Every structure is written in structure tokens, then in C-alpha cells.
Amino acid sequence: MLERVLTTAVFTAAIGSGVVGGIFYAFSTFIMPALARIPAEQGTAAMRMINITVINPLFMLAWMGTALICLVLAGGALFWWQGPGGWLILAASLLYLLGCFASTMVFNVPLNNQLAAADAAQLATLWPRYLDVWTMWNHVRAVAPILSAILFTLAMMLK
């Protein structure tokens, strides 16, 4: 029974990590470059709308649900050191929690809040910096969950 629950949790974390990593990968590879190519007023308006619409049940389930599963798996991995893949499960969980979830909260969300609060005069200087810094941290939060998905998958393969 415990083995089935663990396998299901690791599988779910692998899928969730892959989905979230794919979303952030899209932002790094074509959404942010597209927004950088249009006039700043249009780019900031589009990003502001994205930042509003991203707060929806489906995205939050994937992003925060995966974080919750990773938190449980990281704690549980301490008891599974003897089992195959325990280190991989711990590494994958921490990679998601720190590289994806924490980096979002510490870097991307504050930048989004600055963008939301900026007036038209501030946007001229804020937007170029926002594009550079936000996208750099987005690269981190794209790579981290993709690597987590790989590590979770490897952990399942070792069973």
C-alpha cells in the first residue's frame, strides 16, 4: 500500500514538474522575447494581464499542488534512504521547491508587483530591467522543474 502511494506521488510530482517547467519554458523561449519586440506600453499591458490571468485554479493546482507533493516527498525521502531512488526523490523535490517555487516567490512575484504598481512614467525605465531580470529568473524556474521531472522519472525507473 505505502509503495503504491509513494509511486503515485512520485509519478504525480514528475508530471506536475514537467507541466510547470513547460509553462515557464514557453515564457523563456518565445513569450518574453515576443513581448520585448513590441512597444513597451503594449508589452507591459500584456504582461500585466498575464500576471492577473495566471492566478487561476488550473495553474495554481499544477504549480502549488506540485510544490505540496514535493514538500511531502522531501520529508518522506528521509525515511526512504534505504529504498532505491530516495536520494533522487529528495533532490528532485528540493530542486522544484527551491528552483521553481521559492525563486518565483522571491524574484518573479516581487517584479510582477513592481510592474503592476508602476505608473506610465516609471514603465519606461522599469520595463527593460523587468524583461532582463524577470526572464533570467524565469530561466531558473523553467530548468529546475524540468530537471525535477527527469529525477523523479529516474527514481521511478530504479524501483
N, C-alpha and C. Protein backbone atom coordinates (compact mmCIF):
# COMPACT_ATOMS: atom_id res chain seq x y z
N MET A 1 0.82 -1.20 0.00
CA MET A 1 0.00 0.00 0.00
C MET A 1 0.86 1.26 0.00
N LEU A 2 1.82 1.34 0.95
CA LEU A 2 2.71 2.51 1.01
C LEU A 2 3.50 2.65 -0.28
N GLU A 3 3.93 1.53 -0.84
CA GLU A 3 4.69 1.55 -2.10
C GLU A 3 3.85 2.15 -3.23
N ARG A 4 2.58 1.80 -3.29
CA ARG A 4 1.68 2.32 -4.33
C ARG A 4 1.46 3.82 -4.14
N VAL A 5 1.30 4.27 -2.90
CA VAL A 5 1.11 5.69 -2.62
C VAL A 5 2.37 6.47 -3.01
N LEU A 6 3.53 5.94 -2.64
CA LEU A 6 4.79 6.59 -2.98
C LEU A 6 4.95 6.68 -4.49
N THR A 7 4.71 5.60 -5.18
CA THR A 7 4.85 5.58 -6.63
C THR A 7 3.89 6.59 -7.28
N THR A 8 2.67 6.64 -6.80
CA THR A 8 1.68 7.59 -7.32
C THR A 8 2.12 9.03 -7.06
N ALA A 9 2.63 9.29 -5.88
CA ALA A 9 3.08 10.64 -5.53
C ALA A 9 4.27 11.06 -6.39
N VAL A 10 5.22 10.15 -6.58
CA VAL A 10 6.40 10.47 -7.41
C VAL A 10 5.97 10.68 -8.86
N PHE A 11 5.08 9.83 -9.35
CA PHE A 11 4.57 9.98 -10.72
C PHE A 11 3.87 11.33 -10.88
N THR A 12 3.02 11.66 -9.92
CA THR A 12 2.29 12.93 -9.97
C THR A 12 3.25 14.11 -9.91
N ALA A 13 4.29 14.02 -9.07
CA ALA A 13 5.29 15.09 -8.98
C ALA A 13 6.06 15.22 -10.29
N ALA A 14 6.35 14.10 -10.94
CA ALA A 14 7.06 14.13 -12.22
C ALA A 14 6.21 14.83 -13.28
N ILE A 15 4.93 14.47 -13.35
CA ILE A 15 4.04 15.09 -14.33
C ILE A 15 3.86 16.58 -14.01
N GLY A 16 3.59 16.90 -12.75
CA GLY A 16 3.42 18.30 -12.36
C GLY A 16 4.66 19.13 -12.64
N SER A 17 5.81 18.59 -12.34
CA SER A 17 7.07 19.30 -12.60
C SER A 17 7.24 19.55 -14.09
N GLY A 18 6.92 18.54 -14.89
CA GLY A 18 7.04 18.70 -16.33
C GLY A 18 6.09 19.74 -16.89
N VAL A 19 4.85 19.73 -16.40
CA VAL A 19 3.86 20.71 -16.86
C VAL A 19 4.31 22.12 -16.49
N VAL A 20 4.69 22.32 -15.24
CA VAL A 20 5.10 23.65 -14.79
C VAL A 20 6.38 24.09 -15.52
N GLY A 21 7.32 23.17 -15.65
CA GLY A 21 8.54 23.50 -16.38
C GLY A 21 8.24 23.89 -17.82
N GLY A 22 7.29 23.21 -18.44
CA GLY A 22 6.91 23.55 -19.81
C GLY A 22 6.28 24.93 -19.93
N ILE A 23 5.47 25.28 -18.96
CA ILE A 23 4.86 26.62 -18.96
C ILE A 23 5.96 27.68 -18.89
N PHE A 24 6.88 27.51 -17.94
CA PHE A 24 7.94 28.51 -17.79
C PHE A 24 8.92 28.47 -18.96
N TYR A 25 9.12 27.31 -19.56
CA TYR A 25 9.96 27.18 -20.75
C TYR A 25 9.36 28.02 -21.89
N ALA A 26 8.05 27.97 -22.03
CA ALA A 26 7.38 28.77 -23.07
C ALA A 26 7.64 30.25 -22.85
N PHE A 27 7.57 30.69 -21.59
CA PHE A 27 7.85 32.10 -21.32
C PHE A 27 9.29 32.46 -21.68
N SER A 28 10.23 31.61 -21.36
CA SER A 28 11.63 31.91 -21.64
C SER A 28 11.95 31.89 -23.13
N THR A 29 11.32 30.98 -23.86
CA THR A 29 11.73 30.79 -25.25
C THR A 29 10.97 31.63 -26.27
N PHE A 30 9.72 31.99 -26.00
CA PHE A 30 9.04 32.79 -27.01
C PHE A 30 8.08 33.86 -26.48
N ILE A 31 7.52 33.70 -25.29
CA ILE A 31 6.58 34.72 -24.82
C ILE A 31 7.31 36.00 -24.45
N MET A 32 8.33 35.91 -23.60
CA MET A 32 9.05 37.12 -23.20
C MET A 32 9.81 37.74 -24.37
N PRO A 33 10.46 36.95 -25.24
CA PRO A 33 11.08 37.57 -26.42
C PRO A 33 10.05 38.30 -27.30
N ALA A 34 8.84 37.75 -27.41
CA ALA A 34 7.80 38.43 -28.20
C ALA A 34 7.39 39.73 -27.54
N LEU A 35 7.21 39.71 -26.22
CA LEU A 35 6.82 40.93 -25.51
C LEU A 35 7.92 41.99 -25.61
N ALA A 36 9.17 41.57 -25.68
CA ALA A 36 10.28 42.51 -25.78
C ALA A 36 10.33 43.18 -27.16
N ARG A 37 9.72 42.56 -28.16
CA ARG A 37 9.75 43.10 -29.53
C ARG A 37 8.65 44.11 -29.81
N ILE A 38 7.68 44.20 -28.94
CA ILE A 38 6.59 45.15 -29.18
C ILE A 38 6.82 46.40 -28.33
N PRO A 39 6.15 47.49 -28.64
CA PRO A 39 6.33 48.71 -27.84
C PRO A 39 6.10 48.44 -26.35
N ALA A 40 6.85 49.15 -25.53
CA ALA A 40 6.82 48.93 -24.08
C ALA A 40 5.42 49.03 -23.49
N GLU A 41 4.62 49.96 -23.98
CA GLU A 41 3.27 50.12 -23.45
C GLU A 41 2.44 48.85 -23.69
N GLN A 42 2.58 48.29 -24.87
CA GLN A 42 1.84 47.07 -25.20
C GLN A 42 2.40 45.86 -24.46
N GLY A 43 3.73 45.78 -24.36
CA GLY A 43 4.37 44.68 -23.65
C GLY A 43 3.99 44.66 -22.18
N THR A 44 4.03 45.82 -21.55
CA THR A 44 3.68 45.89 -20.13
C THR A 44 2.20 45.60 -19.92
N ALA A 45 1.36 46.09 -20.82
CA ALA A 45 -0.08 45.81 -20.69
C ALA A 45 -0.35 44.32 -20.81
N ALA A 46 0.32 43.68 -21.78
CA ALA A 46 0.14 42.23 -21.96
C ALA A 46 0.65 41.47 -20.73
N MET A 47 1.81 41.85 -20.22
CA MET A 47 2.37 41.14 -19.07
C MET A 47 1.51 41.35 -17.83
N ARG A 48 0.98 42.54 -17.67
CA ARG A 48 0.08 42.78 -16.55
C ARG A 48 -1.15 41.87 -16.62
N MET A 49 -1.70 41.69 -17.80
CA MET A 49 -2.86 40.81 -17.97
C MET A 49 -2.48 39.34 -17.74
N ILE A 50 -1.31 38.96 -18.20
CA ILE A 50 -0.83 37.60 -17.94
C ILE A 50 -0.72 37.36 -16.44
N ASN A 51 -0.16 38.33 -15.73
CA ASN A 51 0.03 38.19 -14.28
C ASN A 51 -1.30 38.13 -13.52
N ILE A 52 -2.33 38.66 -14.10
CA ILE A 52 -3.66 38.56 -13.49
C ILE A 52 -4.29 37.21 -13.82
N THR A 53 -4.24 36.84 -15.09
CA THR A 53 -4.94 35.62 -15.51
C THR A 53 -4.23 34.35 -15.08
N VAL A 54 -2.95 34.42 -14.77
CA VAL A 54 -2.24 33.21 -14.33
C VAL A 54 -2.75 32.72 -12.97
N ILE A 55 -3.34 33.61 -12.22
CA ILE A 55 -3.89 33.23 -10.92
C ILE A 55 -5.27 32.61 -11.17
N ASN A 56 -5.24 31.33 -11.52
CA ASN A 56 -6.46 30.59 -11.80
C ASN A 56 -6.30 29.18 -11.24
N PRO A 57 -7.40 28.49 -11.01
CA PRO A 57 -7.34 27.18 -10.35
C PRO A 57 -6.47 26.15 -11.07
N LEU A 58 -6.49 26.11 -12.38
CA LEU A 58 -5.72 25.09 -13.09
C LEU A 58 -4.22 25.31 -12.95
N PHE A 59 -3.77 26.56 -13.14
CA PHE A 59 -2.34 26.81 -12.98
C PHE A 59 -1.92 26.62 -11.53
N MET A 60 -2.71 27.14 -10.61
CA MET A 60 -2.35 27.03 -9.19
C MET A 60 -2.30 25.57 -8.74
N LEU A 61 -3.21 24.75 -9.26
CA LEU A 61 -3.17 23.33 -8.93
C LEU A 61 -1.86 22.70 -9.39
N ALA A 62 -1.45 23.00 -10.61
CA ALA A 62 -0.20 22.45 -11.12
C ALA A 62 1.00 22.98 -10.34
N TRP A 63 1.08 24.29 -10.17
CA TRP A 63 2.26 24.91 -9.56
C TRP A 63 2.33 24.65 -8.04
N MET A 64 1.27 24.96 -7.34
CA MET A 64 1.28 24.80 -5.89
C MET A 64 1.02 23.35 -5.48
N GLY A 65 0.21 22.64 -6.24
CA GLY A 65 -0.02 21.23 -5.95
C GLY A 65 1.27 20.43 -6.06
N THR A 66 2.05 20.72 -7.09
CA THR A 66 3.35 20.05 -7.24
C THR A 66 4.28 20.43 -6.09
N ALA A 67 4.24 21.68 -5.68
CA ALA A 67 5.07 22.10 -4.54
C ALA A 67 4.67 21.34 -3.27
N LEU A 68 3.39 21.17 -3.05
CA LEU A 68 2.92 20.45 -1.87
C LEU A 68 3.36 18.98 -1.92
N ILE A 69 3.21 18.35 -3.07
CA ILE A 69 3.65 16.96 -3.21
C ILE A 69 5.16 16.86 -2.99
N CYS A 70 5.91 17.82 -3.53
CA CYS A 70 7.37 17.81 -3.35
C CYS A 70 7.75 18.00 -1.88
N LEU A 71 7.01 18.82 -1.18
CA LEU A 71 7.27 19.02 0.25
C LEU A 71 7.06 17.72 1.00
N VAL A 72 5.98 17.03 0.72
CA VAL A 72 5.70 15.74 1.36
C VAL A 72 6.77 14.71 0.98
N LEU A 73 7.13 14.66 -0.31
CA LEU A 73 8.14 13.70 -0.75
C LEU A 73 9.51 13.99 -0.16
N ALA A 74 9.87 15.26 -0.04
CA ALA A 74 11.16 15.61 0.56
C ALA A 74 11.22 15.15 2.01
N GLY A 75 10.14 15.40 2.74
CA GLY A 75 10.09 14.93 4.13
C GLY A 75 10.10 13.42 4.21
N GLY A 76 9.32 12.79 3.35
CA GLY A 76 9.25 11.33 3.35
C GLY A 76 10.51 10.66 2.87
N ALA A 77 11.27 11.32 2.01
CA ALA A 77 12.50 10.73 1.49
C ALA A 77 13.51 10.44 2.61
N LEU A 78 13.40 11.18 3.68
CA LEU A 78 14.29 10.94 4.82
C LEU A 78 14.10 9.53 5.38
N PHE A 79 12.91 8.98 5.19
CA PHE A 79 12.63 7.63 5.68
C PHE A 79 12.87 6.57 4.62
N TRP A 80 13.14 6.99 3.38
CA TRP A 80 13.28 6.04 2.28
C TRP A 80 14.72 5.93 1.79
N TRP A 81 15.69 6.34 2.63
CA TRP A 81 17.09 6.30 2.18
C TRP A 81 17.50 4.91 1.72
N GLN A 82 16.98 3.87 2.36
CA GLN A 82 17.35 2.51 2.01
C GLN A 82 16.74 2.09 0.68
N GLY A 83 15.63 2.68 0.34
CA GLY A 83 14.95 2.31 -0.90
C GLY A 83 15.64 2.93 -2.10
N PRO A 84 15.49 2.27 -3.24
CA PRO A 84 16.10 2.83 -4.45
C PRO A 84 15.44 4.16 -4.82
N GLY A 85 16.23 5.08 -5.20
CA GLY A 85 15.72 6.36 -5.65
C GLY A 85 15.45 7.39 -4.56
N GLY A 86 15.72 7.06 -3.31
CA GLY A 86 15.46 8.01 -2.22
C GLY A 86 16.20 9.33 -2.40
N TRP A 87 17.45 9.25 -2.76
CA TRP A 87 18.25 10.48 -2.98
C TRP A 87 17.70 11.26 -4.18
N LEU A 88 17.28 10.54 -5.21
CA LEU A 88 16.73 11.20 -6.39
C LEU A 88 15.41 11.91 -6.06
N ILE A 89 14.59 11.26 -5.26
CA ILE A 89 13.32 11.87 -4.86
C ILE A 89 13.58 13.13 -4.03
N LEU A 90 14.51 13.05 -3.11
CA LEU A 90 14.85 14.22 -2.30
C LEU A 90 15.41 15.34 -3.18
N ALA A 91 16.36 15.01 -4.05
CA ALA A 91 16.96 16.02 -4.92
C ALA A 91 15.92 16.65 -5.84
N ALA A 92 15.05 15.83 -6.43
CA ALA A 92 14.02 16.35 -7.32
C ALA A 92 13.06 17.27 -6.58
N SER A 93 12.68 16.87 -5.38
CA SER A 93 11.76 17.68 -4.57
C SER A 93 12.38 19.02 -4.20
N LEU A 94 13.61 18.98 -3.72
CA LEU A 94 14.28 20.23 -3.32
C LEU A 94 14.53 21.13 -4.52
N LEU A 95 14.86 20.53 -5.64
CA LEU A 95 15.08 21.32 -6.86
C LEU A 95 13.80 22.06 -7.25
N TYR A 96 12.67 21.37 -7.19
CA TYR A 96 11.41 22.03 -7.51
C TYR A 96 11.10 23.12 -6.47
N LEU A 97 11.20 22.76 -5.19
CA LEU A 97 10.82 23.70 -4.14
C LEU A 97 11.69 24.95 -4.13
N LEU A 98 12.99 24.78 -4.33
CA LEU A 98 13.89 25.94 -4.30
C LEU A 98 14.00 26.63 -5.66
N GLY A 99 14.24 25.84 -6.70
CA GLY A 99 14.50 26.41 -8.01
C GLY A 99 13.27 26.93 -8.72
N CYS A 100 12.12 26.38 -8.39
CA CYS A 100 10.88 26.80 -9.06
C CYS A 100 9.99 27.61 -8.13
N PHE A 101 9.57 27.00 -7.04
CA PHE A 101 8.60 27.66 -6.16
C PHE A 101 9.22 28.85 -5.42
N ALA A 102 10.34 28.63 -4.73
CA ALA A 102 10.94 29.71 -3.94
C ALA A 102 11.44 30.84 -4.84
N SER A 103 12.07 30.50 -5.97
CA SER A 103 12.58 31.57 -6.85
C SER A 103 11.43 32.42 -7.40
N THR A 104 10.30 31.80 -7.66
CA THR A 104 9.12 32.55 -8.11
C THR A 104 8.70 33.55 -7.04
N MET A 105 8.60 33.07 -5.80
CA MET A 105 8.13 33.93 -4.71
C MET A 105 9.13 35.03 -4.36
N VAL A 106 10.42 34.74 -4.46
CA VAL A 106 11.45 35.70 -4.05
C VAL A 106 11.80 36.68 -5.17
N PHE A 107 11.75 36.24 -6.41
CA PHE A 107 12.21 37.10 -7.51
C PHE A 107 11.09 37.51 -8.48
N ASN A 108 10.37 36.57 -9.05
CA ASN A 108 9.41 36.92 -10.10
C ASN A 108 8.18 37.64 -9.56
N VAL A 109 7.62 37.18 -8.45
CA VAL A 109 6.42 37.83 -7.92
C VAL A 109 6.70 39.28 -7.50
N PRO A 110 7.79 39.59 -6.80
CA PRO A 110 8.05 41.00 -6.49
C PRO A 110 8.20 41.87 -7.74
N LEU A 111 8.83 41.31 -8.79
CA LEU A 111 8.93 42.07 -10.03
C LEU A 111 7.55 42.29 -10.66
N ASN A 112 6.70 41.27 -10.59
CA ASN A 112 5.34 41.42 -11.09
C ASN A 112 4.59 42.50 -10.31
N ASN A 113 4.80 42.54 -9.01
CA ASN A 113 4.15 43.55 -8.18
C ASN A 113 4.65 44.95 -8.53
N GLN A 114 5.95 45.07 -8.79
CA GLN A 114 6.50 46.37 -9.22
C GLN A 114 5.88 46.81 -10.54
N LEU A 115 5.77 45.86 -11.46
CA LEU A 115 5.18 46.18 -12.76
C LEU A 115 3.73 46.62 -12.60
N ALA A 116 2.99 45.93 -11.75
CA ALA A 116 1.58 46.27 -11.54
C ALA A 116 1.41 47.66 -10.93
N ALA A 117 2.34 48.06 -10.07
CA ALA A 117 2.22 49.33 -9.35
C ALA A 117 2.82 50.52 -10.10
N ALA A 118 3.57 50.26 -11.14
CA ALA A 118 4.28 51.34 -11.84
C ALA A 118 3.31 52.19 -12.64
N ASP A 119 3.59 53.49 -12.64
CA ASP A 119 2.81 54.38 -13.50
C ASP A 119 3.51 54.50 -14.86
N ALA A 120 2.90 55.23 -15.77
CA ALA A 120 3.41 55.31 -17.14
C ALA A 120 4.84 55.85 -17.19
N ALA A 121 5.14 56.82 -16.36
CA ALA A 121 6.49 57.40 -16.36
C ALA A 121 7.54 56.39 -15.88
N GLN A 122 7.19 55.57 -14.91
CA GLN A 122 8.12 54.57 -14.37
C GLN A 122 8.34 53.40 -15.32
N LEU A 123 7.35 53.12 -16.15
CA LEU A 123 7.44 51.95 -17.03
C LEU A 123 8.58 52.05 -18.04
N ALA A 124 8.92 53.27 -18.45
CA ALA A 124 9.99 53.44 -19.43
C ALA A 124 11.32 52.89 -18.92
N THR A 125 11.59 53.07 -17.66
CA THR A 125 12.84 52.54 -17.10
C THR A 125 12.66 51.15 -16.51
N LEU A 126 11.46 50.85 -16.01
CA LEU A 126 11.22 49.55 -15.38
C LEU A 126 11.15 48.42 -16.40
N TRP A 127 10.51 48.62 -17.52
CA TRP A 127 10.25 47.54 -18.47
C TRP A 127 11.52 46.86 -18.98
N PRO A 128 12.54 47.59 -19.44
CA PRO A 128 13.75 46.89 -19.91
C PRO A 128 14.42 46.06 -18.80
N ARG A 129 14.48 46.61 -17.60
CA ARG A 129 15.06 45.88 -16.46
C ARG A 129 14.20 44.67 -16.13
N TYR A 130 12.89 44.86 -16.12
CA TYR A 130 11.95 43.78 -15.85
C TYR A 130 12.18 42.64 -16.82
N LEU A 131 12.24 42.95 -18.11
CA LEU A 131 12.44 41.92 -19.12
C LEU A 131 13.71 41.11 -18.85
N ASP A 132 14.79 41.79 -18.54
CA ASP A 132 16.07 41.10 -18.31
C ASP A 132 16.06 40.26 -17.03
N VAL A 133 15.70 40.88 -15.93
CA VAL A 133 15.78 40.20 -14.63
C VAL A 133 14.69 39.14 -14.49
N TRP A 134 13.47 39.47 -14.85
CA TRP A 134 12.37 38.51 -14.74
C TRP A 134 12.65 37.29 -15.61
N THR A 135 13.12 37.53 -16.83
CA THR A 135 13.39 36.41 -17.74
C THR A 135 14.55 35.56 -17.24
N MET A 136 15.59 36.18 -16.69
CA MET A 136 16.71 35.41 -16.14
C MET A 136 16.21 34.46 -15.05
N TRP A 137 15.40 34.97 -14.13
CA TRP A 137 14.87 34.11 -13.06
C TRP A 137 13.84 33.13 -13.60
N ASN A 138 13.18 33.48 -14.68
CA ASN A 138 12.26 32.53 -15.30
C ASN A 138 13.03 31.35 -15.89
N HIS A 139 14.22 31.62 -16.43
CA HIS A 139 15.05 30.51 -16.94
C HIS A 139 15.32 29.52 -15.80
N VAL A 140 15.64 30.04 -14.62
CA VAL A 140 15.90 29.18 -13.46
C VAL A 140 14.66 28.36 -13.14
N ARG A 141 13.51 29.02 -13.10
CA ARG A 141 12.30 28.30 -12.73
C ARG A 141 11.74 27.47 -13.87
N ALA A 142 12.30 27.55 -15.05
CA ALA A 142 11.96 26.62 -16.13
C ALA A 142 12.84 25.38 -16.05
N VAL A 143 14.13 25.59 -15.85
CA VAL A 143 15.07 24.47 -15.83
C VAL A 143 14.86 23.59 -14.59
N ALA A 144 14.64 24.20 -13.43
CA ALA A 144 14.51 23.44 -12.18
C ALA A 144 13.41 22.39 -12.23
N PRO A 145 12.19 22.72 -12.61
CA PRO A 145 11.16 21.68 -12.62
C PRO A 145 11.36 20.65 -13.74
N ILE A 146 11.97 21.05 -14.84
CA ILE A 146 12.26 20.08 -15.90
C ILE A 146 13.27 19.05 -15.38
N LEU A 147 14.30 19.54 -14.70
CA LEU A 147 15.26 18.61 -14.09
C LEU A 147 14.60 17.77 -13.01
N SER A 148 13.69 18.36 -12.26
CA SER A 148 12.94 17.60 -11.24
C SER A 148 12.17 16.47 -11.88
N ALA A 149 11.50 16.76 -12.99
CA ALA A 149 10.73 15.73 -13.69
C ALA A 149 11.64 14.58 -14.12
N ILE A 150 12.83 14.91 -14.59
CA ILE A 150 13.79 13.88 -15.01
C ILE A 150 14.22 13.05 -13.81
N LEU A 151 14.54 13.70 -12.69
CA LEU A 151 14.98 12.98 -11.50
C LEU A 151 13.86 12.11 -10.92
N PHE A 152 12.64 12.64 -10.89
CA PHE A 152 11.51 11.82 -10.42
C PHE A 152 11.33 10.60 -11.32
N THR A 153 11.47 10.78 -12.60
CA THR A 153 11.32 9.66 -13.54
C THR A 153 12.42 8.62 -13.32
N LEU A 154 13.65 9.10 -13.13
CA LEU A 154 14.76 8.17 -12.84
C LEU A 154 14.51 7.40 -11.55
N ALA A 155 13.97 8.09 -10.55
CA ALA A 155 13.67 7.42 -9.27
C ALA A 155 12.65 6.31 -9.48
N MET A 156 11.65 6.56 -10.31
CA MET A 156 10.65 5.52 -10.59
C MET A 156 11.26 4.35 -11.36
N MET A 157 12.20 4.65 -12.22
CA MET A 157 12.84 3.60 -13.02
C MET A 157 13.70 2.67 -12.16
N LEU A 158 14.19 3.19 -11.02
CA LEU A 158 15.02 2.39 -10.13
C LEU A 158 14.23 1.43 -9.28
N LYS A 159 12.92 1.53 -9.32
CA LYS A 159 12.07 0.65 -8.50
C LYS A 159 11.97 -0.71 -9.10
